[in-house]
Amino acid sequence: MIPHQLVASLFALALASLGAAVAGLYANPRESYRGFWLMCGIWGIIDGIIAWASFVQEPLPLDELRGVLAINLALQAIYLPLGLILATRSKPALKGLGWGILVQAVALGVIDVSFYVKCGGL
């Protein structure tokens, strides 16, 4: 049950990210916002591919899923500093990309932490 909930959450995030990216880019925003919406779209595509791949295969046992979630949480040590570095750059496009990384990383981090705990972690 937990793996299915996780995949559904990831798929919902992917759809929300892609929908927001399409709407945001369609509005023809300033350069910094274009970077933000572009990054949201990229993460949405990646999250969607991962969710789709998870739909078509057998769910992982909870101990293996907990390990995958732990790796994802460790990747936050890369995503968050990278997002902060880019968000503080002077070029508007880089600022937008940085904020896009930060927003998506935080959203994924919340999902990962909540399901890590549900799988018996911590």
PDB file of N, CA and C in Angstrom:
ATOM      1  N   MET A   1       0.820  -1.201   0.000  1.00  0.00           N
ATOM      2  CA  MET A   1       0.000   0.000   0.000  1.00  0.00           C
ATOM      3  C   MET A   1       0.864   1.266   0.000  1.00  0.00           C
ATOM      4  N   ILE A   2       1.902   1.280   0.835  1.00  0.00           N
ATOM      5  CA  ILE A   2       2.767   2.458   0.927  1.00  0.00           C
ATOM      6  C   ILE A   2       3.456   2.755  -0.407  1.00  0.00           C
ATOM      7  N   PRO A   3       4.008   1.742  -1.106  1.00  0.00           N
ATOM      8  CA  PRO A   3       4.632   2.061  -2.399  1.00  0.00           C
ATOM      9  C   PRO A   3       3.659   2.691  -3.385  1.00  0.00           C
ATOM     10  N   HIS A   4       2.395   2.236  -3.372  1.00  0.00           N
ATOM     11  CA  HIS A   4       1.406   2.801  -4.288  1.00  0.00           C
ATOM     12  C   HIS A   4       1.091   4.256  -3.927  1.00  0.00           C
ATOM     13  N   GLN A   5       1.028   4.548  -2.640  1.00  0.00           N
ATOM     14  CA  GLN A   5       0.788   5.923  -2.193  1.00  0.00           C
ATOM     15  C   GLN A   5       1.949   6.832  -2.592  1.00  0.00           C
ATOM     16  N   LEU A   6       3.159   6.312  -2.455  1.00  0.00           N
ATOM     17  CA  LEU A   6       4.338   7.085  -2.834  1.00  0.00           C
ATOM     18  C   LEU A   6       4.328   7.393  -4.325  1.00  0.00           C
ATOM     19  N   VAL A   7       4.040   6.390  -5.142  1.00  0.00           N
ATOM     20  CA  VAL A   7       4.009   6.595  -6.591  1.00  0.00           C
ATOM     21  C   VAL A   7       2.907   7.591  -6.947  1.00  0.00           C
ATOM     22  N   ALA A   8       1.757   7.476  -6.304  1.00  0.00           N
ATOM     23  CA  ALA A   8       0.663   8.417  -6.571  1.00  0.00           C
ATOM     24  C   ALA A   8       1.063   9.843  -6.190  1.00  0.00           C
ATOM     25  N   SER A   9       1.765   9.986  -5.070  1.00  0.00           N
ATOM     26  CA  SER A   9       2.224  11.323  -4.643  1.00  0.00           C
ATOM     27  C   SER A   9       3.232  11.890  -5.637  1.00  0.00           C
ATOM     28  N   LEU A  10       4.146  11.052  -6.083  1.00  0.00           N
ATOM     29  CA  LEU A  10       5.152  11.499  -7.047  1.00  0.00           C
ATOM     30  C   LEU A  10       4.494  11.868  -8.378  1.00  0.00           C
ATOM     31  N   PHE A  11       3.524  11.069  -8.800  1.00  0.00           N
ATOM     32  CA  PHE A  11       2.812  11.354 -10.049  1.00  0.00           C
ATOM     33  C   PHE A  11       2.022  12.657  -9.927  1.00  0.00           C
ATOM     34  N   ALA A  12       1.393  12.887  -8.772  1.00  0.00           N
ATOM     35  CA  ALA A  12       0.659  14.138  -8.554  1.00  0.00           C
ATOM     36  C   ALA A  12       1.603  15.335  -8.597  1.00  0.00           C
ATOM     37  N   LEU A  13       2.777  15.205  -7.985  1.00  0.00           N
ATOM     38  CA  LEU A  13       3.764  16.284  -8.039  1.00  0.00           C
ATOM     39  C   LEU A  13       4.218  16.529  -9.474  1.00  0.00           C
ATOM     40  N   ALA A  14       4.425  15.444 -10.228  1.00  0.00           N
ATOM     41  CA  ALA A  14       4.844  15.583 -11.626  1.00  0.00           C
ATOM     42  C   ALA A  14       3.789  16.329 -12.430  1.00  0.00           C
ATOM     43  N   LEU A  15       2.524  15.953 -12.268  1.00  0.00           N
ATOM     44  CA  LEU A  15       1.448  16.632 -12.999  1.00  0.00           C
ATOM     45  C   LEU A  15       1.327  18.098 -12.596  1.00  0.00           C
ATOM     46  N   ALA A  16       1.433  18.357 -11.294  1.00  0.00           N
ATOM     47  CA  ALA A  16       1.353  19.745 -10.823  1.00  0.00           C
ATOM     48  C   ALA A  16       2.523  20.566 -11.362  1.00  0.00           C
ATOM     49  N   SER A  17       3.705  19.994 -11.351  1.00  0.00           N
ATOM     50  CA  SER A  17       4.889  20.701 -11.842  1.00  0.00           C
ATOM     51  C   SER A  17       4.770  20.986 -13.337  1.00  0.00           C
ATOM     52  N   LEU A  18       4.348  19.980 -14.094  1.00  0.00           N
ATOM     53  CA  LEU A  18       4.209  20.174 -15.545  1.00  0.00           C
ATOM     54  C   LEU A  18       3.102  21.164 -15.868  1.00  0.00           C
ATOM     55  N   GLY A  19       1.983  21.054 -15.174  1.00  0.00           N
ATOM     56  CA  GLY A  19       0.885  22.000 -15.406  1.00  0.00           C
ATOM     57  C   GLY A  19       1.284  23.425 -15.090  1.00  0.00           C
ATOM     58  N   ALA A  20       1.954  23.606 -13.961  1.00  0.00           N
ATOM     59  CA  ALA A  20       2.410  24.947 -13.576  1.00  0.00           C
ATOM     60  C   ALA A  20       3.439  25.473 -14.570  1.00  0.00           C
ATOM     61  N   ALA A  21       4.327  24.592 -15.035  1.00  0.00           N
ATOM     62  CA  ALA A  21       5.359  25.016 -15.984  1.00  0.00           C
ATOM     63  C   ALA A  21       4.737  25.456 -17.305  1.00  0.00           C
ATOM     64  N   VAL A  22       3.785  24.693 -17.784  1.00  0.00           N
ATOM     65  CA  VAL A  22       3.133  25.054 -19.050  1.00  0.00           C
ATOM     66  C   VAL A  22       2.400  26.382 -18.905  1.00  0.00           C
ATOM     67  N   ALA A  23       1.635  26.517 -17.820  1.00  0.00           N
ATOM     68  CA  ALA A  23       0.899  27.771 -17.601  1.00  0.00           C
ATOM     69  C   ALA A  23       1.856  28.944 -17.414  1.00  0.00           C
ATOM     70  N   GLY A  24       2.905  28.729 -16.630  1.00  0.00           N
ATOM     71  CA  GLY A  24       3.860  29.802 -16.375  1.00  0.00           C
ATOM     72  C   GLY A  24       4.611  30.226 -17.623  1.00  0.00           C
ATOM     73  N   LEU A  25       5.032  29.266 -18.428  1.00  0.00           N
ATOM     74  CA  LEU A  25       5.752  29.602 -19.662  1.00  0.00           C
ATOM     75  C   LEU A  25       4.820  30.185 -20.718  1.00  0.00           C
ATOM     76  N   TYR A  26       3.573  29.763 -20.718  1.00  0.00           N
ATOM     77  CA  TYR A  26       2.594  30.292 -21.675  1.00  0.00           C
ATOM     78  C   TYR A  26       2.327  31.774 -21.419  1.00  0.00           C
ATOM     79  N   ALA A  27       2.454  32.185 -20.161  1.00  0.00           N
ATOM     80  CA  ALA A  27       2.208  33.583 -19.796  1.00  0.00           C
ATOM     81  C   ALA A  27       3.319  34.516 -20.277  1.00  0.00           C
ATOM     82  N   ASN A  28       4.374  33.944 -20.884  1.00  0.00           N
ATOM     83  CA  ASN A  28       5.499  34.727 -21.401  1.00  0.00           C
ATOM     84  C   ASN A  28       6.111  35.616 -20.313  1.00  0.00           C
ATOM     85  N   PRO A  29       6.623  34.999 -19.258  1.00  0.00           N
ATOM     86  CA  PRO A  29       7.135  35.757 -18.114  1.00  0.00           C
ATOM     87  C   PRO A  29       8.520  36.362 -18.381  1.00  0.00           C
ATOM     88  N   ARG A  30       8.966  37.134 -17.386  1.00  0.00           N
ATOM     89  CA  ARG A  30      10.323  37.678 -17.441  1.00  0.00           C
ATOM     90  C   ARG A  30      11.328  36.536 -17.410  1.00  0.00           C
ATOM     91  N   GLU A  31      12.584  36.866 -17.695  1.00  0.00           N
ATOM     92  CA  GLU A  31      13.623  35.843 -17.831  1.00  0.00           C
ATOM     93  C   GLU A  31      13.795  34.999 -16.571  1.00  0.00           C
ATOM     94  N   SER A  32      13.764  35.629 -15.393  1.00  0.00           N
ATOM     95  CA  SER A  32      13.953  34.849 -14.167  1.00  0.00           C
ATOM     96  C   SER A  32      12.794  33.875 -13.959  1.00  0.00           C
ATOM     97  N   TYR A  33      11.594  34.288 -14.287  1.00  0.00           N
ATOM     98  CA  TYR A  33      10.450  33.388 -14.152  1.00  0.00           C
ATOM     99  C   TYR A  33      10.496  32.269 -15.191  1.00  0.00           C
ATOM    100  N   ARG A  34      11.001  32.569 -16.369  1.00  0.00           N
ATOM    101  CA  ARG A  34      11.147  31.514 -17.383  1.00  0.00           C
ATOM    102  C   ARG A  34      12.074  30.422 -16.867  1.00  0.00           C
ATOM    103  N   GLY A  35      13.168  30.815 -16.225  1.00  0.00           N
ATOM    104  CA  GLY A  35      14.083  29.831 -15.646  1.00  0.00           C
ATOM    105  C   GLY A  35      13.403  28.997 -14.578  1.00  0.00           C
ATOM    106  N   PHE A  36      12.594  29.643 -13.754  1.00  0.00           N
ATOM    107  CA  PHE A  36      11.865  28.935 -12.706  1.00  0.00           C
ATOM    108  C   PHE A  36      10.894  27.921 -13.307  1.00  0.00           C
ATOM    109  N   TRP A  37      10.076  28.375 -14.253  1.00  0.00           N
ATOM    110  CA  TRP A  37       9.080  27.478 -14.853  1.00  0.00           C
ATOM    111  C   TRP A  37       9.746  26.375 -15.666  1.00  0.00           C
ATOM    112  N   LEU A  38      10.839  26.682 -16.321  1.00  0.00           N
ATOM    113  CA  LEU A  38      11.571  25.654 -17.061  1.00  0.00           C
ATOM    114  C   LEU A  38      12.072  24.564 -16.114  1.00  0.00           C
ATOM    115  N   MET A  39      12.634  24.960 -14.990  1.00  0.00           N
ATOM    116  CA  MET A  39      13.129  23.980 -14.031  1.00  0.00           C
ATOM    117  C   MET A  39      11.979  23.156 -13.470  1.00  0.00           C
ATOM    118  N   CYS A  40      10.845  23.778 -13.201  1.00  0.00           N
ATOM    119  CA  CYS A  40       9.680  23.021 -12.728  1.00  0.00           C
ATOM    120  C   CYS A  40       9.264  21.986 -13.764  1.00  0.00           C
ATOM    121  N   GLY A  41       9.281  22.367 -15.036  1.00  0.00           N
ATOM    122  CA  GLY A  41       8.922  21.431 -16.089  1.00  0.00           C
ATOM    123  C   GLY A  41       9.903  20.278 -16.203  1.00  0.00           C
ATOM    124  N   ILE A  42      11.182  20.573 -16.088  1.00  0.00           N
ATOM    125  CA  ILE A  42      12.203  19.514 -16.163  1.00  0.00           C
ATOM    126  C   ILE A  42      12.013  18.515 -15.024  1.00  0.00           C
ATOM    127  N   TRP A  43      11.832  19.017 -13.812  1.00  0.00           N
ATOM    128  CA  TRP A  43      11.616  18.119 -12.666  1.00  0.00           C
ATOM    129  C   TRP A  43      10.311  17.352 -12.841  1.00  0.00           C
ATOM    130  N   GLY A  44       9.297  18.008 -13.385  1.00  0.00           N
ATOM    131  CA  GLY A  44       8.029  17.325 -13.609  1.00  0.00           C
ATOM    132  C   GLY A  44       8.174  16.161 -14.570  1.00  0.00           C
ATOM    133  N   ILE A  45       8.947  16.356 -15.632  1.00  0.00           N
ATOM    134  CA  ILE A  45       9.189  15.271 -16.586  1.00  0.00           C
ATOM    135  C   ILE A  45       9.938  14.127 -15.909  1.00  0.00           C
ATOM    136  N   ILE A  46      10.975  14.442 -15.171  1.00  0.00           N
ATOM    137  CA  ILE A  46      11.760  13.401 -14.493  1.00  0.00           C
ATOM    138  C   ILE A  46      10.897  12.658 -13.471  1.00  0.00           C
ATOM    139  N   ASP A  47      10.138  13.401 -12.668  1.00  0.00           N
ATOM    140  CA  ASP A  47       9.265  12.758 -11.680  1.00  0.00           C
ATOM    141  C   ASP A  47       8.214  11.888 -12.371  1.00  0.00           C
ATOM    142  N   GLY A  48       7.697  12.354 -13.487  1.00  0.00           N
ATOM    143  CA  GLY A  48       6.713  11.579 -14.236  1.00  0.00           C
ATOM    144  C   GLY A  48       7.292  10.292 -14.785  1.00  0.00           C
ATOM    145  N   ILE A  49       8.507  10.355 -15.292  1.00  0.00           N
ATOM    146  CA  ILE A  49       9.166   9.142 -15.810  1.00  0.00           C
ATOM    147  C   ILE A  49       9.388   8.135 -14.679  1.00  0.00           C
ATOM    148  N   ILE A  50       9.837   8.619 -13.531  1.00  0.00           N
ATOM    149  CA  ILE A  50      10.058   7.729 -12.387  1.00  0.00           C
ATOM    150  C   ILE A  50       8.731   7.123 -11.931  1.00  0.00           C
ATOM    151  N   ALA A  51       7.676   7.938 -11.857  1.00  0.00           N
ATOM    152  CA  ALA A  51       6.365   7.427 -11.436  1.00  0.00           C
ATOM    153  C   ALA A  51       5.846   6.397 -12.439  1.00  0.00           C
ATOM    154  N   TRP A  52       5.966   6.686 -13.723  1.00  0.00           N
ATOM    155  CA  TRP A  52       5.497   5.746 -14.751  1.00  0.00           C
ATOM    156  C   TRP A  52       6.254   4.429 -14.644  1.00  0.00           C
ATOM    157  N   ALA A  53       7.572   4.496 -14.507  1.00  0.00           N
ATOM    158  CA  ALA A  53       8.370   3.273 -14.384  1.00  0.00           C
ATOM    159  C   ALA A  53       7.950   2.477 -13.144  1.00  0.00           C
ATOM    160  N   SER A  54       7.590   3.170 -12.085  1.00  0.00           N
ATOM    161  CA  SER A  54       7.149   2.500 -10.868  1.00  0.00           C
ATOM    162  C   SER A  54       5.771   1.862 -11.027  1.00  0.00           C
ATOM    163  N   PHE A  55       4.927   2.450 -11.893  1.00  0.00           N
ATOM    164  CA  PHE A  55       3.608   1.874 -12.155  1.00  0.00           C
ATOM    165  C   PHE A  55       3.711   0.532 -12.866  1.00  0.00           C
ATOM    166  N   VAL A  56       4.683   0.383 -13.750  1.00  0.00           N
ATOM    167  CA  VAL A  56       4.746  -0.804 -14.607  1.00  0.00           C
ATOM    168  C   VAL A  56       5.589  -1.940 -14.019  1.00  0.00           C
ATOM    169  N   GLN A  57       6.130  -1.774 -12.842  1.00  0.00           N
ATOM    170  CA  GLN A  57       6.895  -2.856 -12.236  1.00  0.00           C
ATOM    171  C   GLN A  57       6.335  -3.177 -10.853  1.00  0.00           C
ATOM    172  N   GLU A  58       6.783  -4.277 -10.320  1.00  0.00           N
ATOM    173  CA  GLU A  58       6.344  -4.701  -8.990  1.00  0.00           C
ATOM    174  C   GLU A  58       6.824  -3.691  -7.943  1.00  0.00           C
ATOM    175  N   PRO A  59       5.995  -3.414  -6.933  1.00  0.00           N
ATOM    176  CA  PRO A  59       6.425  -2.504  -5.864  1.00  0.00           C
ATOM    177  C   PRO A  59       7.626  -3.076  -5.098  1.00  0.00           C
ATOM    178  N   LEU A  60       8.483  -2.192  -4.660  1.00  0.00           N
ATOM    179  CA  LEU A  60       9.634  -2.603  -3.853  1.00  0.00           C
ATOM    180  C   LEU A  60       9.170  -3.005  -2.455  1.00  0.00           C
ATOM    181  N   PRO A  61       9.848  -3.968  -1.850  1.00  0.00           N
ATOM    182  CA  PRO A  61       9.587  -4.246  -0.430  1.00  0.00           C
ATOM    183  C   PRO A  61       9.939  -3.005   0.399  1.00  0.00           C
ATOM    184  N   LEU A  62       9.307  -2.879   1.550  1.00  0.00           N
ATOM    185  CA  LEU A  62       9.475  -1.660   2.351  1.00  0.00           C
ATOM    186  C   LEU A  62      10.917  -1.388   2.738  1.00  0.00           C
ATOM    187  N   ASP A  63      11.711  -2.421   3.025  1.00  0.00           N
ATOM    188  CA  ASP A  63      13.104  -2.170   3.408  1.00  0.00           C
ATOM    189  C   ASP A  63      13.908  -1.621   2.231  1.00  0.00           C
ATOM    190  N   GLU A  64      13.637  -2.112   1.018  1.00  0.00           N
ATOM    191  CA  GLU A  64      14.325  -1.576  -0.168  1.00  0.00           C
ATOM    192  C   GLU A  64      13.837  -0.164  -0.486  1.00  0.00           C
ATOM    193  N   LEU A  65      12.535   0.053  -0.342  1.00  0.00           N
ATOM    194  CA  LEU A  65      11.975   1.384  -0.585  1.00  0.00           C
ATOM    195  C   LEU A  65      12.571   2.393   0.395  1.00  0.00           C
ATOM    196  N   ARG A  66      12.729   1.985   1.642  1.00  0.00           N
ATOM    197  CA  ARG A  66      13.341   2.864   2.649  1.00  0.00           C
ATOM    198  C   ARG A  66      14.762   3.243   2.238  1.00  0.00           C
ATOM    199  N   GLY A  67      15.509   2.289   1.664  1.00  0.00           N
ATOM    200  CA  GLY A  67      16.861   2.580   1.183  1.00  0.00           C
ATOM    201  C   GLY A  67      16.862   3.577   0.038  1.00  0.00           C
ATOM    202  N   VAL A  68      15.919   3.428  -0.899  1.00  0.00           N
ATOM    203  CA  VAL A  68      15.811   4.372  -2.022  1.00  0.00           C
ATOM    204  C   VAL A  68      15.472   5.767  -1.506  1.00  0.00           C
ATOM    205  N   LEU A  69      14.547   5.821  -0.559  1.00  0.00           N
ATOM    206  CA  LEU A  69      14.169   7.119   0.017  1.00  0.00           C
ATOM    207  C   LEU A  69      15.335   7.750   0.765  1.00  0.00           C
ATOM    208  N   ALA A  70      16.140   6.943   1.437  1.00  0.00           N
ATOM    209  CA  ALA A  70      17.322   7.470   2.138  1.00  0.00           C
ATOM    210  C   ALA A  70      18.313   8.076   1.142  1.00  0.00           C
ATOM    211  N   ILE A  71      18.488   7.418  -0.004  1.00  0.00           N
ATOM    212  CA  ILE A  71      19.368   7.968  -1.043  1.00  0.00           C
ATOM    213  C   ILE A  71      18.801   9.289  -1.558  1.00  0.00           C
ATOM    214  N   ASN A  72      17.491   9.318  -1.802  1.00  0.00           N
ATOM    215  CA  ASN A  72      16.864  10.560  -2.265  1.00  0.00           C
ATOM    216  C   ASN A  72      17.057  11.691  -1.252  1.00  0.00           C
ATOM    217  N   LEU A  73      16.923  11.365   0.002  1.00  0.00           N
ATOM    218  CA  LEU A  73      17.119  12.393   1.032  1.00  0.00           C
ATOM    219  C   LEU A  73      18.571  12.854   1.088  1.00  0.00           C
ATOM    220  N   ALA A  74      19.501  11.946   0.864  1.00  0.00           N
ATOM    221  CA  ALA A  74      20.915  12.332   0.838  1.00  0.00           C
ATOM    222  C   ALA A  74      21.198  13.262  -0.340  1.00  0.00           C
ATOM    223  N   LEU A  75      20.475  13.071  -1.437  1.00  0.00           N
ATOM    224  CA  LEU A  75      20.664  13.949  -2.599  1.00  0.00           C
ATOM    225  C   LEU A  75      20.255  15.394  -2.308  1.00  0.00           C
ATOM    226  N   GLN A  76      19.455  15.590  -1.255  1.00  0.00           N
ATOM    227  CA  GLN A  76      19.093  16.948  -0.862  1.00  0.00           C
ATOM    228  C   GLN A  76      20.342  17.760  -0.526  1.00  0.00           C
ATOM    229  N   ALA A  77      21.403  17.077  -0.095  1.00  0.00           N
ATOM    230  CA  ALA A  77      22.666  17.757   0.219  1.00  0.00           C
ATOM    231  C   ALA A  77      23.304  18.345  -1.039  1.00  0.00           C
ATOM    232  N   ILE A  78      22.863  17.904  -2.199  1.00  0.00           N
ATOM    233  CA  ILE A  78      23.330  18.477  -3.470  1.00  0.00           C
ATOM    234  C   ILE A  78      22.318  19.495  -3.986  1.00  0.00           C
ATOM    235  N   TYR A  79      21.041  19.111  -4.000  1.00  0.00           N
ATOM    236  CA  TYR A  79      20.008  19.968  -4.582  1.00  0.00           C
ATOM    237  C   TYR A  79      19.900  21.318  -3.878  1.00  0.00           C
ATOM    238  N   LEU A  80      19.823  21.294  -2.565  1.00  0.00           N
ATOM    239  CA  LEU A  80      19.589  22.545  -1.837  1.00  0.00           C
ATOM    240  C   LEU A  80      20.744  23.540  -1.968  1.00  0.00           C
ATOM    241  N   PRO A  81      21.999  23.142  -1.748  1.00  0.00           N
ATOM    242  CA  PRO A  81      23.080  24.111  -1.954  1.00  0.00           C
ATOM    243  C   PRO A  81      23.178  24.596  -3.406  1.00  0.00           C
ATOM    244  N   LEU A  82      22.980  23.684  -4.357  1.00  0.00           N
ATOM    245  CA  LEU A  82      23.033  24.089  -5.761  1.00  0.00           C
ATOM    246  C   LEU A  82      21.940  25.114  -6.061  1.00  0.00           C
ATOM    247  N   GLY A  83      20.735  24.854  -5.563  1.00  0.00           N
ATOM    248  CA  GLY A  83      19.647  25.811  -5.757  1.00  0.00           C
ATOM    249  C   GLY A  83      19.962  27.159  -5.126  1.00  0.00           C
ATOM    250  N   LEU A  84      20.523  27.137  -3.922  1.00  0.00           N
ATOM    251  CA  LEU A  84      20.878  28.392  -3.249  1.00  0.00           C
ATOM    252  C   LEU A  84      21.965  29.149  -4.013  1.00  0.00           C
ATOM    253  N   ILE A  85      22.952  28.423  -4.504  1.00  0.00           N
ATOM    254  CA  ILE A  85      24.029  29.073  -5.265  1.00  0.00           C
ATOM    255  C   ILE A  85      23.464  29.738  -6.513  1.00  0.00           C
ATOM    256  N   LEU A  86      22.636  28.997  -7.259  1.00  0.00           N
ATOM    257  CA  LEU A  86      22.067  29.565  -8.481  1.00  0.00           C
ATOM    258  C   LEU A  86      21.111  30.715  -8.182  1.00  0.00           C
ATOM    259  N   ALA A  87      20.339  30.604  -7.108  1.00  0.00           N
ATOM    260  CA  ALA A  87      19.374  31.656  -6.762  1.00  0.00           C
ATOM    261  C   ALA A  87      20.049  32.960  -6.375  1.00  0.00           C
ATOM    262  N   THR A  88      21.320  32.913  -5.999  1.00  0.00           N
ATOM    263  CA  THR A  88      22.020  34.131  -5.601  1.00  0.00           C
ATOM    264  C   THR A  88      22.857  34.730  -6.738  1.00  0.00           C
ATOM    265  N   ARG A  89      22.806  34.147  -7.900  1.00  0.00           N
ATOM    266  CA  ARG A  89      23.558  34.673  -9.053  1.00  0.00           C
ATOM    267  C   ARG A  89      22.910  35.940  -9.577  1.00  0.00           C
ATOM    268  N   SER A  90      23.669  36.710 -10.332  1.00  0.00           N
ATOM    269  CA  SER A  90      23.159  37.981 -10.847  1.00  0.00           C
ATOM    270  C   SER A  90      22.313  37.805 -12.115  1.00  0.00           C
ATOM    271  N   LYS A  91      22.572  36.767 -12.888  1.00  0.00           N
ATOM    272  CA  LYS A  91      21.780  36.559 -14.107  1.00  0.00           C
ATOM    273  C   LYS A  91      20.372  36.104 -13.729  1.00  0.00           C
ATOM    274  N   PRO A  92      19.355  36.777 -14.267  1.00  0.00           N
ATOM    275  CA  PRO A  92      17.979  36.417 -13.924  1.00  0.00           C
ATOM    276  C   PRO A  92      17.623  34.963 -14.248  1.00  0.00           C
ATOM    277  N   ALA A  93      18.103  34.438 -15.363  1.00  0.00           N
ATOM    278  CA  ALA A  93      17.774  33.056 -15.722  1.00  0.00           C
ATOM    279  C   ALA A  93      18.338  32.076 -14.698  1.00  0.00           C
ATOM    280  N   LEU A  94      19.552  32.333 -14.215  1.00  0.00           N
ATOM    281  CA  LEU A  94      20.142  31.462 -13.205  1.00  0.00           C
ATOM    282  C   LEU A  94      19.395  31.562 -11.881  1.00  0.00           C
ATOM    283  N   LYS A  95      18.966  32.778 -11.522  1.00  0.00           N
ATOM    284  CA  LYS A  95      18.164  32.951 -10.310  1.00  0.00           C
ATOM    285  C   LYS A  95      16.897  32.110 -10.398  1.00  0.00           C
ATOM    286  N   GLY A  96      16.224  32.177 -11.539  1.00  0.00           N
ATOM    287  CA  GLY A  96      14.995  31.408 -11.722  1.00  0.00           C
ATOM    288  C   GLY A  96      15.238  29.917 -11.650  1.00  0.00           C
ATOM    289  N   LEU A  97      16.313  29.456 -12.282  1.00  0.00           N
ATOM    290  CA  LEU A  97      16.644  28.035 -12.217  1.00  0.00           C
ATOM    291  C   LEU A  97      16.908  27.610 -10.776  1.00  0.00           C
ATOM    292  N   GLY A  98      17.625  28.448 -10.036  1.00  0.00           N
ATOM    293  CA  GLY A  98      17.933  28.143  -8.638  1.00  0.00           C
ATOM    294  C   GLY A  98      16.676  28.038  -7.793  1.00  0.00           C
ATOM    295  N   TRP A  99      15.762  28.992  -7.953  1.00  0.00           N
ATOM    296  CA  TRP A  99      14.515  28.938  -7.195  1.00  0.00           C
ATOM    297  C   TRP A  99      13.682  27.734  -7.606  1.00  0.00           C
ATOM    298  N   GLY A 100      13.716  27.376  -8.875  1.00  0.00           N
ATOM    299  CA  GLY A 100      13.007  26.185  -9.330  1.00  0.00           C
ATOM    300  C   GLY A 100      13.549  24.924  -8.678  1.00  0.00           C
ATOM    301  N   ILE A 101      14.870  24.829  -8.596  1.00  0.00           N
ATOM    302  CA  ILE A 101      15.488  23.677  -7.928  1.00  0.00           C
ATOM    303  C   ILE A 101      15.081  23.640  -6.457  1.00  0.00           C
ATOM    304  N   LEU A 102      15.123  24.792  -5.792  1.00  0.00           N
ATOM    305  CA  LEU A 102      14.782  24.834  -4.368  1.00  0.00           C
ATOM    306  C   LEU A 102      13.345  24.396  -4.111  1.00  0.00           C
ATOM    307  N   VAL A 103      12.413  24.924  -4.889  1.00  0.00           N
ATOM    308  CA  VAL A 103      10.997  24.585  -4.682  1.00  0.00           C
ATOM    309  C   VAL A 103      10.759  23.095  -4.915  1.00  0.00           C
ATOM    310  N   GLN A 104      11.309  22.571  -6.008  1.00  0.00           N
ATOM    311  CA  GLN A 104      11.111  21.154  -6.319  1.00  0.00           C
ATOM    312  C   GLN A 104      11.810  20.260  -5.299  1.00  0.00           C
ATOM    313  N   ALA A 105      13.008  20.643  -4.868  1.00  0.00           N
ATOM    314  CA  ALA A 105      13.741  19.834  -3.889  1.00  0.00           C
ATOM    315  C   ALA A 105      13.000  19.786  -2.559  1.00  0.00           C
ATOM    316  N   VAL A 106      12.441  20.909  -2.141  1.00  0.00           N
ATOM    317  CA  VAL A 106      11.686  20.928  -0.889  1.00  0.00           C
ATOM    318  C   VAL A 106      10.431  20.060  -1.017  1.00  0.00           C
ATOM    319  N   ALA A 107       9.720  20.170  -2.133  1.00  0.00           N
ATOM    320  CA  ALA A 107       8.518  19.349  -2.336  1.00  0.00           C
ATOM    321  C   ALA A 107       8.864  17.862  -2.314  1.00  0.00           C
ATOM    322  N   LEU A 108       9.911  17.482  -3.020  1.00  0.00           N
ATOM    323  CA  LEU A 108      10.332  16.079  -3.018  1.00  0.00           C
ATOM    324  C   LEU A 108      10.834  15.653  -1.640  1.00  0.00           C
ATOM    325  N   GLY A 109      11.503  16.552  -0.959  1.00  0.00           N
ATOM    326  CA  GLY A 109      11.994  16.238   0.382  1.00  0.00           C
ATOM    327  C   GLY A 109      10.857  15.948   1.349  1.00  0.00           C
ATOM    328  N   VAL A 110       9.787  16.715   1.258  1.00  0.00           N
ATOM    329  CA  VAL A 110       8.622  16.475   2.120  1.00  0.00           C
ATOM    330  C   VAL A 110       8.026  15.102   1.825  1.00  0.00           C
ATOM    331  N   ILE A 111       7.874  14.776   0.542  1.00  0.00           N
ATOM    332  CA  ILE A 111       7.349  13.459   0.163  1.00  0.00           C
ATOM    333  C   ILE A 111       8.280  12.364   0.663  1.00  0.00           C
ATOM    334  N   ASP A 112       9.576  12.517   0.418  1.00  0.00           N
ATOM    335  CA  ASP A 112      10.540  11.487   0.810  1.00  0.00           C
ATOM    336  C   ASP A 112      10.570  11.280   2.322  1.00  0.00           C
ATOM    337  N   VAL A 113      10.584  12.350   3.095  1.00  0.00           N
ATOM    338  CA  VAL A 113      10.620  12.229   4.557  1.00  0.00           C
ATOM    339  C   VAL A 113       9.352  11.546   5.061  1.00  0.00           C
ATOM    340  N   SER A 114       8.203  11.979   4.564  1.00  0.00           N
ATOM    341  CA  SER A 114       6.961  11.396   5.070  1.00  0.00           C
ATOM    342  C   SER A 114       6.878   9.903   4.757  1.00  0.00           C
ATOM    343  N   PHE A 115       7.297   9.495   3.570  1.00  0.00           N
ATOM    344  CA  PHE A 115       7.238   8.072   3.240  1.00  0.00           C
ATOM    345  C   PHE A 115       8.385   7.290   3.884  1.00  0.00           C
ATOM    346  N   TYR A 116       9.498   7.924   4.124  1.00  0.00           N
ATOM    347  CA  TYR A 116      10.589   7.263   4.858  1.00  0.00           C
ATOM    348  C   TYR A 116      10.108   6.893   6.257  1.00  0.00           C
ATOM    349  N   VAL A 117       9.407   7.819   6.896  1.00  0.00           N
ATOM    350  CA  VAL A 117       8.869   7.564   8.231  1.00  0.00           C
ATOM    351  C   VAL A 117       7.798   6.476   8.164  1.00  0.00           C
ATOM    352  N   LYS A 118       6.929   6.522   7.146  1.00  0.00           N
ATOM    353  CA  LYS A 118       5.893   5.495   7.008  1.00  0.00           C
ATOM    354  C   LYS A 118       6.502   4.100   6.774  1.00  0.00           C
ATOM    355  N   CYS A 119       7.669   4.062   6.179  1.00  0.00           N
ATOM    356  CA  CYS A 119       8.348   2.772   5.925  1.00  0.00           C
ATOM    357  C   CYS A 119       9.136   2.291   7.127  1.00  0.00           C
ATOM    358  N   GLY A 120       9.068   2.997   8.229  1.00  0.00           N
ATOM    359  CA  GLY A 120       9.745   2.560   9.453  1.00  0.00           C
ATOM    360  C   GLY A 120      11.085   3.216   9.696  1.00  0.00           C
ATOM    361  N   GLY A 121      11.413   4.241   8.915  1.00  0.00           N
ATOM    362  CA  GLY A 121      12.673   4.959   9.131  1.00  0.00           C
ATOM    363  C   GLY A 121      12.554   5.922  10.291  1.00  0.00           C
ATOM    364  N   LEU A 122      13.684   6.350  10.804  1.00  0.00           N
ATOM    365  CA  LEU A 122      13.795   7.272  11.946  1.00  0.00           C
ATOM    366  C   LEU A 122      13.321   6.587  13.150  1.00  0.00           C
TER     367      LEU A 122
END
